[in-house]
Amino acid sequence: MKHTFFLCLMVLLTGCDLFVSQEKKTRELVEQEMVAIDWNEVDSYPLFANCDETLTKAGQRACFEQEVLSYFTKALEHVKLTPVSGQDTLVQVDFLVDREGQVSILEIQKTADTDEQLPDFDAMIADVLEHMPKLQPALKRGIPVKARFRIPIVLGTVK
């Protein structure tokens, strides 16, 4: 009898996992998966209507960047600066594509000379982003996510 009681007690003590709820096990698995996900990388980039969603990730990125740059190029082709150091001016535009595909400016990094010569430059950039066609948002594991991008813009100089 003692052996049977001891055996039952051992089974109960080692089999405690049987009594752990499915919810707790599921939560632990989800937490492990969340840690393993690289949240700085998307599975697919935001896409314009004319970009092919069956492209590779690199192809999607190239199409997205090419389209964004073409919109900036068209809108800013007339913008010229008087050279200060004899070189073209580099401006960095950080923007966010949200879960709905809407674009918003996060930051524009430019020189004081650019600010002085083009006081309405930020408004021009905002206008370009506002008038771009609607985007499909970036995806992570099939779920729309926010994605941050930086586009370098080279402003030519008047010679």
C-alpha atoms as a PDB file:
ATOM      1  CA  MET A   1       0.000   0.000   0.000  1.00  0.00           C
ATOM      2  CA  LYS A   2       2.833   2.362   0.856  1.00  0.00           C
ATOM      3  CA  HIS A   3       4.381   1.725  -2.555  1.00  0.00           C
ATOM      4  CA  THR A   4       1.109   2.483  -4.333  1.00  0.00           C
ATOM      5  CA  PHE A   5       0.616   5.694  -2.362  1.00  0.00           C
ATOM      6  CA  PHE A   6       4.236   6.730  -3.034  1.00  0.00           C
ATOM      7  CA  LEU A   7       3.849   5.944  -6.748  1.00  0.00           C
ATOM      8  CA  CYS A   8       0.622   7.999  -6.960  1.00  0.00           C
ATOM      9  CA  LEU A   9       2.274  10.874  -5.135  1.00  0.00           C
ATOM     10  CA  MET A  10       5.246  10.826  -7.544  1.00  0.00           C
ATOM     11  CA  VAL A  11       2.925  10.832 -10.572  1.00  0.00           C
ATOM     12  CA  LEU A  12       1.002  13.804  -9.176  1.00  0.00           C
ATOM     13  CA  LEU A  13       4.148  15.780  -8.389  1.00  0.00           C
ATOM     14  CA  THR A  14       5.823  15.169 -11.735  1.00  0.00           C
ATOM     15  CA  GLY A  15       2.643  15.582 -13.732  1.00  0.00           C
ATOM     16  CA  CYS A  16       1.821  19.108 -12.538  1.00  0.00           C
ATOM     17  CA  ASP A  17       2.220  20.333 -16.105  1.00  0.00           C
ATOM     18  CA  LEU A  18      -1.034  18.561 -16.854  1.00  0.00           C
ATOM     19  CA  PHE A  19      -2.833  21.056 -14.648  1.00  0.00           C
ATOM     20  CA  VAL A  20      -1.286  24.187 -16.207  1.00  0.00           C
ATOM     21  CA  SER A  21      -3.955  25.941 -18.214  1.00  0.00           C
ATOM     22  CA  GLN A  22      -3.813  26.002 -21.992  1.00  0.00           C
ATOM     23  CA  GLU A  23      -4.055  29.772 -21.805  1.00  0.00           C
ATOM     24  CA  LYS A  24      -0.847  30.013 -19.788  1.00  0.00           C
ATOM     25  CA  LYS A  25       0.988  27.679 -22.190  1.00  0.00           C
ATOM     26  CA  THR A  26      -0.258  29.680 -25.161  1.00  0.00           C
ATOM     27  CA  ARG A  27       0.770  32.965 -23.530  1.00  0.00           C
ATOM     28  CA  GLU A  28       4.279  31.596 -22.892  1.00  0.00           C
ATOM     29  CA  LEU A  29       4.600  30.470 -26.526  1.00  0.00           C
ATOM     30  CA  VAL A  30       3.430  33.870 -27.783  1.00  0.00           C
ATOM     31  CA  GLU A  31       5.908  35.659 -25.506  1.00  0.00           C
ATOM     32  CA  GLN A  32       8.753  33.481 -26.797  1.00  0.00           C
ATOM     33  CA  GLU A  33       7.714  34.191 -30.385  1.00  0.00           C
ATOM     34  CA  MET A  34       7.477  37.946 -29.747  1.00  0.00           C
ATOM     35  CA  VAL A  35      11.043  37.992 -28.450  1.00  0.00           C
ATOM     36  CA  ALA A  36      12.253  36.145 -31.559  1.00  0.00           C
ATOM     37  CA  ILE A  37      10.643  38.585 -34.036  1.00  0.00           C
ATOM     38  CA  ASP A  38      12.901  41.281 -35.513  1.00  0.00           C
ATOM     39  CA  TRP A  39      10.613  44.306 -35.247  1.00  0.00           C
ATOM     40  CA  ASN A  40      13.087  46.524 -37.110  1.00  0.00           C
ATOM     41  CA  GLU A  41      12.529  44.613 -40.347  1.00  0.00           C
ATOM     42  CA  VAL A  42       9.278  44.267 -42.257  1.00  0.00           C
ATOM     43  CA  ASP A  43       8.267  41.216 -44.273  1.00  0.00           C
ATOM     44  CA  SER A  44       7.002  43.351 -47.160  1.00  0.00           C
ATOM     45  CA  TYR A  45       7.504  47.032 -47.890  1.00  0.00           C
ATOM     46  CA  PRO A  46       4.752  49.593 -48.460  1.00  0.00           C
ATOM     47  CA  LEU A  47       3.592  49.374 -52.058  1.00  0.00           C
ATOM     48  CA  PHE A  48       2.231  51.833 -54.575  1.00  0.00           C
ATOM     49  CA  ALA A  49      -0.485  50.590 -56.933  1.00  0.00           C
ATOM     50  CA  ASN A  50       2.015  50.152 -59.783  1.00  0.00           C
ATOM     51  CA  CYS A  51       4.457  48.074 -57.671  1.00  0.00           C
ATOM     52  CA  ASP A  52       4.103  44.309 -57.988  1.00  0.00           C
ATOM     53  CA  GLU A  53       3.382  42.664 -54.642  1.00  0.00           C
ATOM     54  CA  THR A  54       4.790  39.352 -55.888  1.00  0.00           C
ATOM     55  CA  LEU A  55       8.276  40.871 -56.157  1.00  0.00           C
ATOM     56  CA  THR A  56      10.962  39.783 -53.733  1.00  0.00           C
ATOM     57  CA  LYS A  57      11.450  41.875 -50.622  1.00  0.00           C
ATOM     58  CA  ALA A  58      14.407  43.624 -52.273  1.00  0.00           C
ATOM     59  CA  GLY A  59      12.320  44.256 -55.384  1.00  0.00           C
ATOM     60  CA  GLN A  60       9.490  45.727 -53.313  1.00  0.00           C
ATOM     61  CA  ARG A  61      11.936  48.002 -51.526  1.00  0.00           C
ATOM     62  CA  ALA A  62      13.494  49.148 -54.807  1.00  0.00           C
ATOM     63  CA  CYS A  63      10.065  49.894 -56.307  1.00  0.00           C
ATOM     64  CA  PHE A  64       8.960  51.790 -53.193  1.00  0.00           C
ATOM     65  CA  GLU A  65      12.145  53.881 -53.057  1.00  0.00           C
ATOM     66  CA  GLN A  66      12.082  54.573 -56.801  1.00  0.00           C
ATOM     67  CA  GLU A  67       8.478  55.775 -56.649  1.00  0.00           C
ATOM     68  CA  VAL A  68       9.068  58.012 -53.626  1.00  0.00           C
ATOM     69  CA  LEU A  69      12.198  59.505 -55.195  1.00  0.00           C
ATOM     70  CA  SER A  70      10.396  60.129 -58.475  1.00  0.00           C
ATOM     71  CA  TYR A  71       7.679  62.120 -56.657  1.00  0.00           C
ATOM     72  CA  PHE A  72      10.302  64.202 -54.864  1.00  0.00           C
ATOM     73  CA  THR A  73      12.303  64.710 -58.054  1.00  0.00           C
ATOM     74  CA  LYS A  74       9.270  65.964 -60.004  1.00  0.00           C
ATOM     75  CA  ALA A  75       8.198  68.301 -57.218  1.00  0.00           C
ATOM     76  CA  LEU A  76      11.644  69.695 -56.452  1.00  0.00           C
ATOM     77  CA  GLU A  77      13.284  69.810 -59.890  1.00  0.00           C
ATOM     78  CA  HIS A  78      12.972  73.605 -60.002  1.00  0.00           C
ATOM     79  CA  VAL A  79      14.488  74.099 -56.533  1.00  0.00           C
ATOM     80  CA  LYS A  80      18.057  75.415 -56.662  1.00  0.00           C
ATOM     81  CA  LEU A  81      20.291  76.857 -53.983  1.00  0.00           C
ATOM     82  CA  THR A  82      23.055  79.418 -54.222  1.00  0.00           C
ATOM     83  CA  PRO A  83      26.233  77.463 -53.435  1.00  0.00           C
ATOM     84  CA  VAL A  84      27.874  78.159 -50.137  1.00  0.00           C
ATOM     85  CA  SER A  85      30.707  75.685 -50.392  1.00  0.00           C
ATOM     86  CA  GLY A  86      30.340  74.968 -54.109  1.00  0.00           C
ATOM     87  CA  GLN A  87      28.654  71.606 -53.463  1.00  0.00           C
ATOM     88  CA  ASP A  88      25.133  70.281 -53.751  1.00  0.00           C
ATOM     89  CA  THR A  89      23.128  70.249 -50.525  1.00  0.00           C
ATOM     90  CA  LEU A  90      21.944  67.013 -48.947  1.00  0.00           C
ATOM     91  CA  VAL A  91      18.631  66.973 -47.082  1.00  0.00           C
ATOM     92  CA  GLN A  92      17.405  63.937 -45.142  1.00  0.00           C
ATOM     93  CA  VAL A  93      13.642  63.394 -44.873  1.00  0.00           C
ATOM     94  CA  ASP A  94      12.401  60.928 -42.256  1.00  0.00           C
ATOM     95  CA  PHE A  95       8.796  59.864 -42.714  1.00  0.00           C
ATOM     96  CA  LEU A  96       6.398  57.265 -41.425  1.00  0.00           C
ATOM     97  CA  VAL A  97       3.976  55.076 -43.349  1.00  0.00           C
ATOM     98  CA  ASP A  98       1.289  54.084 -40.849  1.00  0.00           C
ATOM     99  CA  ARG A  99      -0.886  50.960 -40.678  1.00  0.00           C
ATOM    100  CA  GLU A 100      -3.429  52.509 -43.056  1.00  0.00           C
ATOM    101  CA  GLY A 101      -0.812  53.556 -45.639  1.00  0.00           C
ATOM    102  CA  GLN A 102      -0.896  57.252 -44.683  1.00  0.00           C
ATOM    103  CA  VAL A 103       2.405  59.122 -44.840  1.00  0.00           C
ATOM    104  CA  SER A 104       3.563  61.674 -42.273  1.00  0.00           C
ATOM    105  CA  ILE A 105       6.805  63.596 -41.823  1.00  0.00           C
ATOM    106  CA  LEU A 106       8.825  62.787 -38.741  1.00  0.00           C
ATOM    107  CA  GLU A 107      11.868  65.000 -39.294  1.00  0.00           C
ATOM    108  CA  ILE A 108      13.633  66.982 -41.996  1.00  0.00           C
ATOM    109  CA  GLN A 109      17.373  67.410 -41.523  1.00  0.00           C
ATOM    110  CA  LYS A 110      18.755  70.317 -43.497  1.00  0.00           C
ATOM    111  CA  THR A 111      21.398  72.968 -43.204  1.00  0.00           C
ATOM    112  CA  ALA A 112      20.843  76.505 -41.989  1.00  0.00           C
ATOM    113  CA  ASP A 113      21.653  77.685 -45.539  1.00  0.00           C
ATOM    114  CA  THR A 114      18.776  75.599 -46.887  1.00  0.00           C
ATOM    115  CA  ASP A 115      16.469  77.083 -44.269  1.00  0.00           C
ATOM    116  CA  GLU A 116      17.610  80.585 -45.148  1.00  0.00           C
ATOM    117  CA  GLN A 117      17.286  80.218 -48.925  1.00  0.00           C
ATOM    118  CA  LEU A 118      14.146  78.064 -48.920  1.00  0.00           C
ATOM    119  CA  PRO A 119      12.025  79.042 -45.917  1.00  0.00           C
ATOM    120  CA  ASP A 120       9.023  77.102 -47.280  1.00  0.00           C
ATOM    121  CA  PHE A 121      11.012  73.914 -47.937  1.00  0.00           C
ATOM    122  CA  ASP A 122       9.255  71.921 -45.178  1.00  0.00           C
ATOM    123  CA  ALA A 123       5.882  72.857 -46.685  1.00  0.00           C
ATOM    124  CA  MET A 124       7.076  71.687 -50.122  1.00  0.00           C
ATOM    125  CA  ILE A 125       8.097  68.317 -48.681  1.00  0.00           C
ATOM    126  CA  ALA A 126       4.794  68.001 -46.810  1.00  0.00           C
ATOM    127  CA  ASP A 127       2.923  68.796 -50.031  1.00  0.00           C
ATOM    128  CA  VAL A 128       4.815  66.078 -51.946  1.00  0.00           C
ATOM    129  CA  LEU A 129       4.037  63.460 -49.300  1.00  0.00           C
ATOM    130  CA  GLU A 130       0.423  64.575 -49.008  1.00  0.00           C
ATOM    131  CA  HIS A 131      -0.191  64.259 -52.753  1.00  0.00           C
ATOM    132  CA  MET A 132       1.429  60.864 -53.222  1.00  0.00           C
ATOM    133  CA  PRO A 133      -1.023  58.119 -54.135  1.00  0.00           C
ATOM    134  CA  LYS A 134      -2.317  55.890 -51.353  1.00  0.00           C
ATOM    135  CA  LEU A 135       0.069  53.162 -50.275  1.00  0.00           C
ATOM    136  CA  GLN A 136      -0.520  49.639 -49.107  1.00  0.00           C
ATOM    137  CA  PRO A 137       1.146  49.543 -45.670  1.00  0.00           C
ATOM    138  CA  ALA A 138       4.189  47.488 -44.776  1.00  0.00           C
ATOM    139  CA  LEU A 139       3.452  44.013 -43.448  1.00  0.00           C
ATOM    140  CA  LYS A 140       4.962  42.000 -40.637  1.00  0.00           C
ATOM    141  CA  ARG A 141       3.674  38.436 -40.451  1.00  0.00           C
ATOM    142  CA  GLY A 142       0.731  39.452 -42.614  1.00  0.00           C
ATOM    143  CA  ILE A 143      -0.294  42.282 -40.280  1.00  0.00           C
ATOM    144  CA  PRO A 144      -0.115  45.945 -41.357  1.00  0.00           C
ATOM    145  CA  VAL A 145       2.553  47.781 -39.360  1.00  0.00           C
ATOM    146  CA  LYS A 146       4.066  51.261 -39.175  1.00  0.00           C
ATOM    147  CA  ALA A 147       7.337  51.657 -41.040  1.00  0.00           C
ATOM    148  CA  ARG A 148       9.849  54.488 -40.810  1.00  0.00           C
ATOM    149  CA  PHE A 149      11.946  55.546 -43.800  1.00  0.00           C
ATOM    150  CA  ARG A 150      14.697  58.052 -44.578  1.00  0.00           C
ATOM    151  CA  ILE A 151      15.051  59.499 -48.045  1.00  0.00           C
ATOM    152  CA  PRO A 152      18.131  61.544 -48.970  1.00  0.00           C
ATOM    153  CA  ILE A 153      17.407  64.450 -51.310  1.00  0.00           C
ATOM    154  CA  VAL A 154      20.210  66.231 -53.135  1.00  0.00           C
ATOM    155  CA  LEU A 155      19.369  69.824 -53.963  1.00  0.00           C
ATOM    156  CA  GLY A 156      21.340  71.182 -56.893  1.00  0.00           C
ATOM    157  CA  THR A 157      23.129  74.487 -56.789  1.00  0.00           C
ATOM    158  CA  VAL A 158      22.789  77.485 -59.057  1.00  0.00           C
ATOM    159  CA  LYS A 159      25.994  77.958 -61.026  1.00  0.00           C
END
